C-alpha atoms as a PDB file:
ATOM      1  CA  UNK A   1      -7.855  31.340  10.523  1.00  0.00           C
ATOM      2  CA  UNK A   2      -8.887  28.229  12.446  1.00  0.00           C
ATOM      3  CA  UNK A   3      -5.941  25.847  12.238  1.00  0.00           C
ATOM      4  CA  UNK A   4      -6.225  22.740  14.383  1.00  0.00           C
ATOM      5  CA  UNK A   5      -4.029  19.717  14.907  1.00  0.00           C
ATOM      6  CA  UNK A   6      -5.986  16.668  13.759  1.00  0.00           C
ATOM      7  CA  UNK A   7      -5.296  13.065  12.911  1.00  0.00           C
ATOM      8  CA  UNK A   8      -5.894  11.953   9.330  1.00  0.00           C
ATOM      9  CA  UNK A   9      -8.917  10.016  10.576  1.00  0.00           C
ATOM     10  CA  UNK A  10     -10.406  13.041  12.322  1.00  0.00           C
ATOM     11  CA  UNK A  11      -9.639  15.243   9.320  1.00  0.00           C
ATOM     12  CA  UNK A  12     -11.591  12.849   7.096  1.00  0.00           C
ATOM     13  CA  UNK A  13     -14.449  12.846   9.595  1.00  0.00           C
ATOM     14  CA  UNK A  14     -14.505  16.641   9.662  1.00  0.00           C
ATOM     15  CA  UNK A  15     -14.355  16.846   5.876  1.00  0.00           C
ATOM     16  CA  UNK A  16     -17.265  14.434   5.524  1.00  0.00           C
ATOM     17  CA  UNK A  17     -19.220  16.467   8.066  1.00  0.00           C
ATOM     18  CA  UNK A  18     -18.657  19.614   5.998  1.00  0.00           C
ATOM     19  CA  UNK A  19     -19.795  17.797   2.850  1.00  0.00           C
ATOM     20  CA  UNK A  20     -22.997  16.647   4.571  1.00  0.00           C
ATOM     21  CA  UNK A  21     -23.654  20.169   5.838  1.00  0.00           C
ATOM     22  CA  UNK A  22     -23.047  21.816   2.469  1.00  0.00           C
ATOM     23  CA  UNK A  23     -25.169  19.534   0.278  1.00  0.00           C
ATOM     24  CA  UNK A  24     -28.341  17.712   1.365  1.00  0.00           C
ATOM     25  CA  UNK A  25     -27.841  15.281  -1.531  1.00  0.00           C
ATOM     26  CA  UNK A  26     -24.705  13.814   0.063  1.00  0.00           C
ATOM     27  CA  UNK A  27     -25.327  10.369   1.553  1.00  0.00           C
ATOM     28  CA  UNK A  28     -22.849   8.167   3.403  1.00  0.00           C
ATOM     29  CA  UNK A  29     -23.393   4.426   3.199  1.00  0.00           C
ATOM     30  CA  UNK A  30     -21.507   1.297   4.179  1.00  0.00           C
ATOM     31  CA  UNK A  31     -21.082  -1.486   6.687  1.00  0.00           C
ATOM     32  CA  UNK A  32     -21.186  -0.166  10.272  1.00  0.00           C
ATOM     33  CA  UNK A  33     -20.705   3.459   9.214  1.00  0.00           C
ATOM     34  CA  UNK A  34     -23.677   4.663  11.256  1.00  0.00           C
ATOM     35  CA  UNK A  35     -24.138   3.651  14.858  1.00  0.00           C
ATOM     36  CA  UNK A  36     -20.593   2.281  15.198  1.00  0.00           C
ATOM     37  CA  UNK A  37     -19.004   5.115  13.226  1.00  0.00           C
ATOM     38  CA  UNK A  38     -16.994   2.737  11.048  1.00  0.00           C
ATOM     39  CA  UNK A  39     -14.303   0.243  11.975  1.00  0.00           C
ATOM     40  CA  UNK A  40     -11.754   3.072  12.040  1.00  0.00           C
ATOM     41  CA  UNK A  41     -14.327   5.587  13.416  1.00  0.00           C
ATOM     42  CA  UNK A  42     -14.017   7.786  10.335  1.00  0.00           C
ATOM     43  CA  UNK A  43     -17.786   8.400  10.315  1.00  0.00           C
ATOM     44  CA  UNK A  44     -18.109   8.634  14.090  1.00  0.00           C
ATOM     45  CA  UNK A  45     -20.987  10.845  15.211  1.00  0.00           C
ATOM     46  CA  UNK A  46     -22.300  11.553  11.720  1.00  0.00           C
ATOM     47  CA  UNK A  47     -25.413   9.370  11.912  1.00  0.00           C
ATOM     48  CA  UNK A  48     -26.294  10.891  15.288  1.00  0.00           C
ATOM     49  CA  UNK A  49     -26.149  14.393  13.828  1.00  0.00           C
ATOM     50  CA  UNK A  50     -27.533  13.798  10.316  1.00  0.00           C
ATOM     51  CA  UNK A  51     -29.865  10.849  10.813  1.00  0.00           C
ATOM     52  CA  UNK A  52     -30.054   7.325   9.478  1.00  0.00           C
ATOM     53  CA  UNK A  53     -31.486   8.485   6.141  1.00  0.00           C
ATOM     54  CA  UNK A  54     -28.211  10.192   5.278  1.00  0.00           C
ATOM     55  CA  UNK A  55     -25.692   7.994   7.097  1.00  0.00           C
ATOM     56  CA  UNK A  56     -26.859   4.494   6.312  1.00  0.00           C
ATOM     57  CA  UNK A  57     -25.770   1.178   7.780  1.00  0.00           C
ATOM     58  CA  UNK A  58     -25.942  -1.276   4.893  1.00  0.00           C
ATOM     59  CA  UNK A  59     -26.003  -5.076   4.750  1.00  0.00           C
ATOM     60  CA  UNK A  60     -22.653  -6.863   4.439  1.00  0.00           C
ATOM     61  CA  UNK A  61     -22.778  -6.832   0.642  1.00  0.00           C
ATOM     62  CA  UNK A  62     -20.238  -4.681  -1.176  1.00  0.00           C
ATOM     63  CA  UNK A  63     -21.830  -5.280  -4.581  1.00  0.00           C
ATOM     64  CA  UNK A  64     -25.160  -4.159  -3.147  1.00  0.00           C
ATOM     65  CA  UNK A  65     -23.615  -1.036  -1.644  1.00  0.00           C
ATOM     66  CA  UNK A  66     -22.073   0.064  -4.929  1.00  0.00           C
ATOM     67  CA  UNK A  67     -25.053  -0.995  -7.046  1.00  0.00           C
ATOM     68  CA  UNK A  68     -27.433   0.990  -4.856  1.00  0.00           C
ATOM     69  CA  UNK A  69     -25.093   3.983  -4.978  1.00  0.00           C
ATOM     70  CA  UNK A  70     -25.095   3.902  -8.784  1.00  0.00           C
ATOM     71  CA  UNK A  71     -28.887   4.266  -8.784  1.00  0.00           C
ATOM     72  CA  UNK A  72     -28.720   7.072  -6.238  1.00  0.00           C
ATOM     73  CA  UNK A  73     -26.055   8.913  -8.228  1.00  0.00           C
ATOM     74  CA  UNK A  74     -28.099   8.675 -11.420  1.00  0.00           C
ATOM     75  CA  UNK A  75     -31.029  10.228  -9.509  1.00  0.00           C
ATOM     76  CA  UNK A  76     -28.949  13.211  -8.433  1.00  0.00           C
ATOM     77  CA  UNK A  77     -27.596  12.150  -5.043  1.00  0.00           C
ATOM     78  CA  UNK A  78     -23.914  12.123  -4.103  1.00  0.00           C
ATOM     79  CA  UNK A  79     -23.308   8.820  -2.338  1.00  0.00           C
ATOM     80  CA  UNK A  80     -20.100   8.258  -0.400  1.00  0.00           C
ATOM     81  CA  UNK A  81     -19.569   4.513  -0.056  1.00  0.00           C
ATOM     82  CA  UNK A  82     -17.205   3.023   2.496  1.00  0.00           C
ATOM     83  CA  UNK A  83     -15.541  -0.280   1.707  1.00  0.00           C
ATOM     84  CA  UNK A  84     -14.623  -1.450   5.179  1.00  0.00           C
ATOM     85  CA  UNK A  85     -11.237  -2.911   4.187  1.00  0.00           C
ATOM     86  CA  UNK A  86      -9.340  -2.893   0.891  1.00  0.00           C
ATOM     87  CA  UNK A  87      -9.555  -6.666   0.478  1.00  0.00           C
ATOM     88  CA  UNK A  88     -13.356  -6.518   0.675  1.00  0.00           C
ATOM     89  CA  UNK A  89     -13.736  -4.427  -2.483  1.00  0.00           C
ATOM     90  CA  UNK A  90     -13.532  -7.325  -4.931  1.00  0.00           C
ATOM     91  CA  UNK A  91     -17.194  -8.442  -4.667  1.00  0.00           C
ATOM     92  CA  UNK A  92     -18.014  -4.920  -5.874  1.00  0.00           C
ATOM     93  CA  UNK A  93     -15.359  -4.907  -8.593  1.00  0.00           C
ATOM     94  CA  UNK A  94     -17.850  -5.840 -11.308  1.00  0.00           C
ATOM     95  CA  UNK A  95     -20.166  -3.004 -10.302  1.00  0.00           C
ATOM     96  CA  UNK A  96     -17.297  -0.507 -10.201  1.00  0.00           C
ATOM     97  CA  UNK A  97     -15.773  -1.469 -13.541  1.00  0.00           C
ATOM     98  CA  UNK A  98     -18.930  -2.354 -15.472  1.00  0.00           C
ATOM     99  CA  UNK A  99     -21.286   0.340 -14.196  1.00  0.00           C
ATOM    100  CA  UNK A 100     -19.605   3.084 -12.175  1.00  0.00           C
ATOM    101  CA  UNK A 101     -16.777   3.604 -14.670  1.00  0.00           C
ATOM    102  CA  UNK A 102     -18.831   3.297 -17.836  1.00  0.00           C
ATOM    103  CA  UNK A 103     -22.250   4.857 -17.214  1.00  0.00           C
ATOM    104  CA  UNK A 104     -21.264   8.389 -18.227  1.00  0.00           C
ATOM    105  CA  UNK A 105     -19.618   7.160 -21.439  1.00  0.00           C
ATOM    106  CA  UNK A 106     -22.345   4.651 -22.236  1.00  0.00           C
ATOM    107  CA  UNK A 107     -25.034   7.319 -21.937  1.00  0.00           C
ATOM    108  CA  UNK A 108     -23.235   9.717 -24.256  1.00  0.00           C
ATOM    109  CA  UNK A 109     -22.645  12.117 -21.399  1.00  0.00           C
ATOM    110  CA  UNK A 110     -26.311  12.307 -20.379  1.00  0.00           C
ATOM    111  CA  UNK A 111     -25.757  10.585 -17.025  1.00  0.00           C
ATOM    112  CA  UNK A 112     -23.225  11.490 -14.357  1.00  0.00           C
ATOM    113  CA  UNK A 113     -22.102   9.259 -11.514  1.00  0.00           C
ATOM    114  CA  UNK A 114     -21.030  11.696  -8.764  1.00  0.00           C
ATOM    115  CA  UNK A 115     -19.994   9.131  -6.176  1.00  0.00           C
ATOM    116  CA  UNK A 116     -17.011   8.458  -3.950  1.00  0.00           C
ATOM    117  CA  UNK A 117     -15.772   4.999  -3.010  1.00  0.00           C
ATOM    118  CA  UNK A 118     -13.679   5.258   0.148  1.00  0.00           C
ATOM    119  CA  UNK A 119     -11.199   2.414   0.618  1.00  0.00           C
ATOM    120  CA  UNK A 120      -8.792   2.126   3.575  1.00  0.00           C
ATOM    121  CA  UNK A 121      -5.775   0.571   1.877  1.00  0.00           C
ATOM    122  CA  UNK A 122      -2.298  -0.775   2.565  1.00  0.00           C
ATOM    123  CA  UNK A 123      -0.737  -2.660   5.445  1.00  0.00           C
ATOM    124  CA  UNK A 124       1.104  -1.905   8.628  1.00  0.00           C
ATOM    125  CA  UNK A 125      -1.678  -2.547  11.165  1.00  0.00           C
ATOM    126  CA  UNK A 126      -1.070  -6.228  11.896  1.00  0.00           C
ATOM    127  CA  UNK A 127      -4.356  -7.294  10.344  1.00  0.00           C
ATOM    128  CA  UNK A 128      -5.461 -10.715   9.134  1.00  0.00           C
ATOM    129  CA  UNK A 129      -6.058 -11.973   5.596  1.00  0.00           C
ATOM    130  CA  UNK A 130      -7.878  -9.648   3.137  1.00  0.00           C
ATOM    131  CA  UNK A 131      -7.355  -6.622   5.389  1.00  0.00           C
ATOM    132  CA  UNK A 132      -4.072  -5.220   4.014  1.00  0.00           C
ATOM    133  CA  UNK A 133      -4.194  -4.953   0.244  1.00  0.00           C
ATOM    134  CA  UNK A 134      -3.143  -2.351  -2.302  1.00  0.00           C
ATOM    135  CA  UNK A 135      -5.701  -2.566  -5.135  1.00  0.00           C
ATOM    136  CA  UNK A 136      -4.969   0.831  -6.666  1.00  0.00           C
ATOM    137  CA  UNK A 137      -3.610  -0.467  -9.990  1.00  0.00           C
ATOM    138  CA  UNK A 138      -6.908  -2.213 -10.780  1.00  0.00           C
ATOM    139  CA  UNK A 139      -8.785   1.060 -10.550  1.00  0.00           C
ATOM    140  CA  UNK A 140      -6.146   3.385 -11.997  1.00  0.00           C
ATOM    141  CA  UNK A 141      -6.112   1.120 -15.076  1.00  0.00           C
ATOM    142  CA  UNK A 142      -9.880   1.447 -15.503  1.00  0.00           C
ATOM    143  CA  UNK A 143     -10.940   4.205 -17.880  1.00  0.00           C
ATOM    144  CA  UNK A 144     -13.801   6.242 -16.444  1.00  0.00           C
ATOM    145  CA  UNK A 145     -12.595   6.175 -12.853  1.00  0.00           C
ATOM    146  CA  UNK A 146     -10.518   8.742 -11.022  1.00  0.00           C
ATOM    147  CA  UNK A 147      -8.271   7.561  -8.206  1.00  0.00           C
ATOM    148  CA  UNK A 148      -6.755   9.695  -5.445  1.00  0.00           C
ATOM    149  CA  UNK A 149      -4.954   9.123  -2.154  1.00  0.00           C
ATOM    150  CA  UNK A 150      -4.291  11.481   0.737  1.00  0.00           C
ATOM    151  CA  UNK A 151      -1.119  11.347   2.838  1.00  0.00           C
ATOM    152  CA  UNK A 152      -1.580  13.988   5.557  1.00  0.00           C
ATOM    153  CA  UNK A 153      -4.428  15.521   7.580  1.00  0.00           C
ATOM    154  CA  UNK A 154      -4.690  18.727   5.525  1.00  0.00           C
ATOM    155  CA  UNK A 155      -5.058  16.812   2.288  1.00  0.00           C
ATOM    156  CA  UNK A 156      -7.448  14.342   3.909  1.00  0.00           C
ATOM    157  CA  UNK A 157      -9.744  17.173   5.009  1.00  0.00           C
ATOM    158  CA  UNK A 158      -9.699  19.000   1.675  1.00  0.00           C
ATOM    159  CA  UNK A 159      -9.494  16.119  -0.793  1.00  0.00           C
ATOM    160  CA  UNK A 160     -12.491  14.230   0.600  1.00  0.00           C
ATOM    161  CA  UNK A 161     -14.622  17.357   0.172  1.00  0.00           C
ATOM    162  CA  UNK A 162     -13.301  17.920  -3.346  1.00  0.00           C
ATOM    163  CA  UNK A 163     -14.024  14.293  -4.224  1.00  0.00           C
ATOM    164  CA  UNK A 164     -17.597  14.497  -2.929  1.00  0.00           C
ATOM    165  CA  UNK A 165     -18.181  17.725  -4.894  1.00  0.00           C
ATOM    166  CA  UNK A 166     -16.842  16.205  -8.126  1.00  0.00           C
ATOM    167  CA  UNK A 167     -19.273  15.008 -10.798  1.00  0.00           C
ATOM    168  CA  UNK A 168     -16.978  12.078 -11.613  1.00  0.00           C
ATOM    169  CA  UNK A 169     -16.772   8.728  -9.800  1.00  0.00           C
ATOM    170  CA  UNK A 170     -13.723   8.753  -7.550  1.00  0.00           C
ATOM    171  CA  UNK A 171     -11.971   5.934  -5.745  1.00  0.00           C
ATOM    172  CA  UNK A 172     -10.622   7.570  -2.586  1.00  0.00           C
ATOM    173  CA  UNK A 173      -7.766   5.593  -1.047  1.00  0.00           C
ATOM    174  CA  UNK A 174      -7.065   6.218   2.632  1.00  0.00           C
ATOM    175  CA  UNK A 175      -3.739   5.065   4.146  1.00  0.00           C
ATOM    176  CA  UNK A 176      -5.068   3.083   7.081  1.00  0.00           C
ATOM    177  CA  UNK A 177      -1.720   2.790   8.875  1.00  0.00           C
ATOM    178  CA  UNK A 178      -1.573   6.594   8.953  1.00  0.00           C
ATOM    179  CA  UNK A 179      -5.086   7.270  10.298  1.00  0.00           C
ATOM    180  CA  UNK A 180      -3.723   8.240  13.738  1.00  0.00           C
ATOM    181  CA  UNK A 181      -0.917  10.516  12.572  1.00  0.00           C
ATOM    182  CA  UNK A 182      -1.400  14.188  13.357  1.00  0.00           C
ATOM    183  CA  UNK A 183      -0.825  17.422  11.506  1.00  0.00           C
ATOM    184  CA  UNK A 184      -2.161  20.972  11.108  1.00  0.00           C
ATOM    185  CA  UNK A 185      -5.452  21.472   9.271  1.00  0.00           C
ATOM    186  CA  UNK A 186      -6.767  24.834   8.107  1.00  0.00           C
ATOM    187  CA  UNK A 187     -10.513  24.508   8.654  1.00  0.00           C
ATOM    188  CA  UNK A 188     -11.441  27.940   7.295  1.00  0.00           C
ATOM    189  CA  UNK A 189      -9.708  28.076   3.912  1.00  0.00           C
ATOM    190  CA  UNK A 190     -12.295  28.170   1.091  1.00  0.00           C
ATOM    191  CA  UNK A 191     -12.513  24.968  -0.907  1.00  0.00           C
ATOM    192  CA  UNK A 192     -12.299  27.069  -4.069  1.00  0.00           C
ATOM    193  CA  UNK A 193      -8.786  28.140  -3.074  1.00  0.00           C
ATOM    194  CA  UNK A 194      -7.595  24.615  -2.214  1.00  0.00           C
ATOM    195  CA  UNK A 195      -4.799  22.822  -3.998  1.00  0.00           C
ATOM    196  CA  UNK A 196      -6.272  21.028  -7.047  1.00  0.00           C
ATOM    197  CA  UNK A 197      -7.472  17.493  -6.375  1.00  0.00           C
ATOM    198  CA  UNK A 198      -5.616  15.889  -9.262  1.00  0.00           C
ATOM    199  CA  UNK A 199      -2.275  17.673  -8.882  1.00  0.00           C
ATOM    200  CA  UNK A 200       0.941  16.302  -7.434  1.00  0.00           C
ATOM    201  CA  UNK A 201       2.871  18.273  -4.846  1.00  0.00           C
ATOM    202  CA  UNK A 202       6.532  18.615  -3.900  1.00  0.00           C
ATOM    203  CA  UNK A 203       6.530  17.935  -0.147  1.00  0.00           C
ATOM    204  CA  UNK A 204      10.291  18.198   0.329  1.00  0.00           C
ATOM    205  CA  UNK A 205      12.618  19.946  -2.138  1.00  0.00           C
ATOM    206  CA  UNK A 206      15.971  18.444  -3.010  1.00  0.00           C
ATOM    207  CA  UNK A 207      18.644  18.449  -5.687  1.00  0.00           C
ATOM    208  CA  UNK A 208      20.077  14.917  -5.927  1.00  0.00           C
ATOM    209  CA  UNK A 209      17.306  12.315  -6.374  1.00  0.00           C
ATOM    210  CA  UNK A 210      13.580  12.557  -7.118  1.00  0.00           C
ATOM    211  CA  UNK A 211      11.457  10.212  -4.981  1.00  0.00           C
ATOM    212  CA  UNK A 212       7.825   9.651  -5.989  1.00  0.00           C
ATOM    213  CA  UNK A 213       5.261   8.191  -3.592  1.00  0.00           C
ATOM    214  CA  UNK A 214       1.624   8.351  -2.555  1.00  0.00           C
ATOM    215  CA  UNK A 215      -0.536   7.440   0.418  1.00  0.00           C
ATOM    216  CA  UNK A 216       1.235   5.631   3.270  1.00  0.00           C
ATOM    217  CA  UNK A 217       4.655   5.688   1.601  1.00  0.00           C
ATOM    218  CA  UNK A 218       4.935   9.484   1.554  1.00  0.00           C
ATOM    219  CA  UNK A 219       5.919   9.565   5.208  1.00  0.00           C
ATOM    220  CA  UNK A 220       8.376   6.693   4.685  1.00  0.00           C
ATOM    221  CA  UNK A 221      10.043   8.667   1.901  1.00  0.00           C
ATOM    222  CA  UNK A 222      10.174  11.822   3.994  1.00  0.00           C
ATOM    223  CA  UNK A 223      11.904   9.848   6.740  1.00  0.00           C
ATOM    224  CA  UNK A 224      14.341   8.506   4.154  1.00  0.00           C
ATOM    225  CA  UNK A 225      15.015  12.046   2.973  1.00  0.00           C
ATOM    226  CA  UNK A 226      15.817  13.136   6.527  1.00  0.00           C
ATOM    227  CA  UNK A 227      18.207  10.217   6.932  1.00  0.00           C
ATOM    228  CA  UNK A 228      19.847  10.858   3.540  1.00  0.00           C
ATOM    229  CA  UNK A 229      20.452  14.490   4.473  1.00  0.00           C
ATOM    230  CA  UNK A 230      22.781  13.299   7.222  1.00  0.00           C
ATOM    231  CA  UNK A 231      24.993  11.868   4.460  1.00  0.00           C
ATOM    232  CA  UNK A 232      24.790  15.033   2.410  1.00  0.00           C
ATOM    233  CA  UNK A 233      22.236  13.848  -0.137  1.00  0.00           C
ATOM    234  CA  UNK A 234      19.141  15.888  -0.889  1.00  0.00           C
ATOM    235  CA  UNK A 235      16.040  13.871  -1.806  1.00  0.00           C
ATOM    236  CA  UNK A 236      13.182  15.695  -3.473  1.00  0.00           C
ATOM    237  CA  UNK A 237       9.981  13.956  -2.353  1.00  0.00           C
ATOM    238  CA  UNK A 238       6.853  14.282  -4.483  1.00  0.00           C
ATOM    239  CA  UNK A 239       3.421  13.216  -3.240  1.00  0.00           C
ATOM    240  CA  UNK A 240       1.505  12.153  -6.355  1.00  0.00           C
ATOM    241  CA  UNK A 241      -1.893  12.494  -4.612  1.00  0.00           C
ATOM    242  CA  UNK A 242      -3.743  11.535  -7.815  1.00  0.00           C
ATOM    243  CA  UNK A 243      -3.112   8.146  -9.430  1.00  0.00           C
ATOM    244  CA  UNK A 244      -5.609   8.618 -12.232  1.00  0.00           C
ATOM    245  CA  UNK A 245      -5.250  11.035 -13.829  1.00  0.00           C
ATOM    246  CA  UNK A 246      -1.527  11.244 -13.125  1.00  0.00           C
ATOM    247  CA  UNK A 247       0.031  14.682 -12.807  1.00  0.00           C
ATOM    248  CA  UNK A 248       3.721  14.300 -13.603  1.00  0.00           C
ATOM    249  CA  UNK A 249       4.607  17.901 -14.413  1.00  0.00           C
ATOM    250  CA  UNK A 250       6.445  18.347 -11.112  1.00  0.00           C
ATOM    251  CA  UNK A 251       8.092  14.950 -11.507  1.00  0.00           C
ATOM    252  CA  UNK A 252       9.433  15.769 -14.961  1.00  0.00           C
ATOM    253  CA  UNK A 253      10.771  19.123 -13.816  1.00  0.00           C
ATOM    254  CA  UNK A 254      12.391  17.491 -10.813  1.00  0.00           C
ATOM    255  CA  UNK A 255      14.005  14.589 -12.690  1.00  0.00           C
ATOM    256  CA  UNK A 256      15.407  16.959 -15.302  1.00  0.00           C
ATOM    257  CA  UNK A 257      17.231  18.674 -12.408  1.00  0.00           C
ATOM    258  CA  UNK A 258      18.239  15.649 -10.333  1.00  0.00           C
ATOM    259  CA  UNK A 259      18.859  13.114 -13.106  1.00  0.00           C
ATOM    260  CA  UNK A 260      17.653  10.285 -10.875  1.00  0.00           C
ATOM    261  CA  UNK A 261      14.257   8.899  -9.850  1.00  0.00           C
ATOM    262  CA  UNK A 262      12.979   6.317  -7.360  1.00  0.00           C
ATOM    263  CA  UNK A 263       9.317   5.272  -7.214  1.00  0.00           C
ATOM    264  CA  UNK A 264       7.944   3.851  -3.959  1.00  0.00           C
ATOM    265  CA  UNK A 265       4.655   2.049  -3.312  1.00  0.00           C
ATOM    266  CA  UNK A 266       3.370  -0.803  -1.145  1.00  0.00           C
ATOM    267  CA  UNK A 267       1.703  -2.745  -3.929  1.00  0.00           C
ATOM    268  CA  UNK A 268       3.695  -5.499  -5.675  1.00  0.00           C
ATOM    269  CA  UNK A 269       5.944  -4.301  -8.491  1.00  0.00           C
ATOM    270  CA  UNK A 270       4.543  -6.453 -11.296  1.00  0.00           C
ATOM    271  CA  UNK A 271       2.492  -4.205 -13.599  1.00  0.00           C
ATOM    272  CA  UNK A 272       2.035  -1.702 -10.762  1.00  0.00           C
ATOM    273  CA  UNK A 273       1.915   2.095 -10.719  1.00  0.00           C
ATOM    274  CA  UNK A 274       5.700   2.165 -10.459  1.00  0.00           C
ATOM    275  CA  UNK A 275       6.062   0.618 -13.907  1.00  0.00           C
ATOM    276  CA  UNK A 276       3.855   3.279 -15.489  1.00  0.00           C
ATOM    277  CA  UNK A 277       5.696   6.056 -13.698  1.00  0.00           C
ATOM    278  CA  UNK A 278       9.083   4.661 -14.720  1.00  0.00           C
ATOM    279  CA  UNK A 279       7.966   4.397 -18.349  1.00  0.00           C
ATOM    280  CA  UNK A 280       6.615   7.943 -18.519  1.00  0.00           C
ATOM    281  CA  UNK A 281       9.651   9.460 -16.808  1.00  0.00           C
ATOM    282  CA  UNK A 282      11.982   7.561 -19.130  1.00  0.00           C
ATOM    283  CA  UNK A 283      10.069   8.770 -22.191  1.00  0.00           C
ATOM    284  CA  UNK A 284       9.973  12.394 -21.072  1.00  0.00           C
ATOM    285  CA  UNK A 285      13.327  12.729 -19.311  1.00  0.00           C
ATOM    286  CA  UNK A 286      15.550  10.238 -21.150  1.00  0.00           C
ATOM    287  CA  UNK A 287      18.390  12.649 -21.887  1.00  0.00           C
ATOM    288  CA  UNK A 288      18.421  13.932 -18.315  1.00  0.00           C
ATOM    289  CA  UNK A 289      18.599  10.545 -16.581  1.00  0.00           C
ATOM    290  CA  UNK A 290      21.894   9.505 -15.026  1.00  0.00           C
ATOM    291  CA  UNK A 291      20.524   6.064 -14.084  1.00  0.00           C
ATOM    292  CA  UNK A 292      17.442   3.909 -14.685  1.00  0.00           C
ATOM    293  CA  UNK A 293      14.273   4.761 -12.788  1.00  0.00           C
ATOM    294  CA  UNK A 294      14.218   2.363  -9.834  1.00  0.00           C
ATOM    295  CA  UNK A 295      11.232   0.955  -7.936  1.00  0.00           C
ATOM    296  CA  UNK A 296      10.859   0.113  -4.255  1.00  0.00           C
ATOM    297  CA  UNK A 297       7.681  -1.901  -3.749  1.00  0.00           C
ATOM    298  CA  UNK A 298       6.022  -4.781  -2.000  1.00  0.00           C
ATOM    299  CA  UNK A 299       7.019  -8.211  -3.242  1.00  0.00           C
ATOM    300  CA  UNK A 300       5.094 -10.178  -5.875  1.00  0.00           C
ATOM    301  CA  UNK A 301       3.305 -12.392  -3.371  1.00  0.00           C
ATOM    302  CA  UNK A 302      -0.072 -12.317  -1.618  1.00  0.00           C
ATOM    303  CA  UNK A 303       0.068 -10.053   1.409  1.00  0.00           C
ATOM    304  CA  UNK A 304       1.887 -11.994   4.136  1.00  0.00           C
ATOM    305  CA  UNK A 305       0.884 -12.844   7.691  1.00  0.00           C
ATOM    306  CA  UNK A 306       0.965  -9.949  10.130  1.00  0.00           C
ATOM    307  CA  UNK A 307       4.009 -11.225  12.001  1.00  0.00           C
ATOM    308  CA  UNK A 308       6.187 -10.823   8.899  1.00  0.00           C
ATOM    309  CA  UNK A 309       4.494  -7.892   7.173  1.00  0.00           C
ATOM    310  CA  UNK A 310       7.321  -5.517   8.037  1.00  0.00           C
ATOM    311  CA  UNK A 311       9.567  -7.663   5.862  1.00  0.00           C
ATOM    312  CA  UNK A 312       7.150  -7.080   2.977  1.00  0.00           C
ATOM    313  CA  UNK A 313       6.552  -3.351   3.336  1.00  0.00           C
ATOM    314  CA  UNK A 314       9.026  -0.886   1.809  1.00  0.00           C
ATOM    315  CA  UNK A 315      10.903   0.869   4.581  1.00  0.00           C
ATOM    316  CA  UNK A 316      13.486   3.585   5.048  1.00  0.00           C
ATOM    317  CA  UNK A 317      16.423   1.217   4.452  1.00  0.00           C
ATOM    318  CA  UNK A 318      15.038  -0.099   1.170  1.00  0.00           C
ATOM    319  CA  UNK A 319      14.390   3.421  -0.090  1.00  0.00           C
ATOM    320  CA  UNK A 320      17.915   4.517   0.846  1.00  0.00           C
ATOM    321  CA  UNK A 321      19.369   1.430  -0.825  1.00  0.00           C
ATOM    322  CA  UNK A 322      17.597   2.342  -4.053  1.00  0.00           C
ATOM    323  CA  UNK A 323      18.906   5.895  -3.755  1.00  0.00           C
ATOM    324  CA  UNK A 324      22.432   4.535  -3.339  1.00  0.00           C
ATOM    325  CA  UNK A 325      22.004   2.322  -6.415  1.00  0.00           C
ATOM    326  CA  UNK A 326      21.008   5.284  -8.570  1.00  0.00           C
ATOM    327  CA  UNK A 327      24.512   6.673  -7.967  1.00  0.00           C
ATOM    328  CA  UNK A 328      26.164   3.419  -9.047  1.00  0.00           C
ATOM    329  CA  UNK A 329      25.527   3.785 -12.780  1.00  0.00           C
END
């Protein structure tokens, strides 16, 4: 078994390389993904090894990237589109919602759109305007799209390959502040034996409070769980992994044991994923809850300037404060 320690960024690169090797119909396209290897170097070396017909540097036109990919997908290719930064996706929003999400339904199932839209998302890198957004609710709300987010190198390596192999259009959210974090990756495990793409996972068991997160906030919640353990509280941390469809089986089982739930995400709270999660947990686990489901999120403002972004982002202290409040009811 070949287990290596890789960063999330390198795990994504290796997963994309495997996808290119395994299927000649896989094409990577986006701004600077070829010669430069992407702003975050996620596609580094791929154009050199697979050629500029399969790893394509596109014009700076997100709508054009996605529109072209729709045509390729209809013709049997599997395009993987990189949106350079989360805040740049909006020019392509019409294409994604009006074409990518609806083509299969509109054609009565005759056409498939097997494409992946990779979006580095979230803050924490000290970037300028339009470079630190959390647009996941827009896409999770859109019927016809699937939305996933990895939180560690192993999932990054496996999930990107699963997404590329899927016949459905998938928005693949990558936690950009975590690109350089390392972890073990099993490079030899068969993809057929991998954890299902659209299933949540308990990443730390606990008995007192259920904490739900995805993407960049999973690590924050794990750090909070370590800190809470020093005070004798056991936090069960669940990585949702898939935002659409949502898999809440583990969450329901957990909340029915703990009686308390905290949802954590970077995006603003107003009509965000946290609201949907709180509603579903309340409906399913009402008689088990000892307190309301609480949310720890970004604030309902445009993403702030880099010098104050740490005041905006949920952190360990805010998660622990929410945990404390669940015991106050």
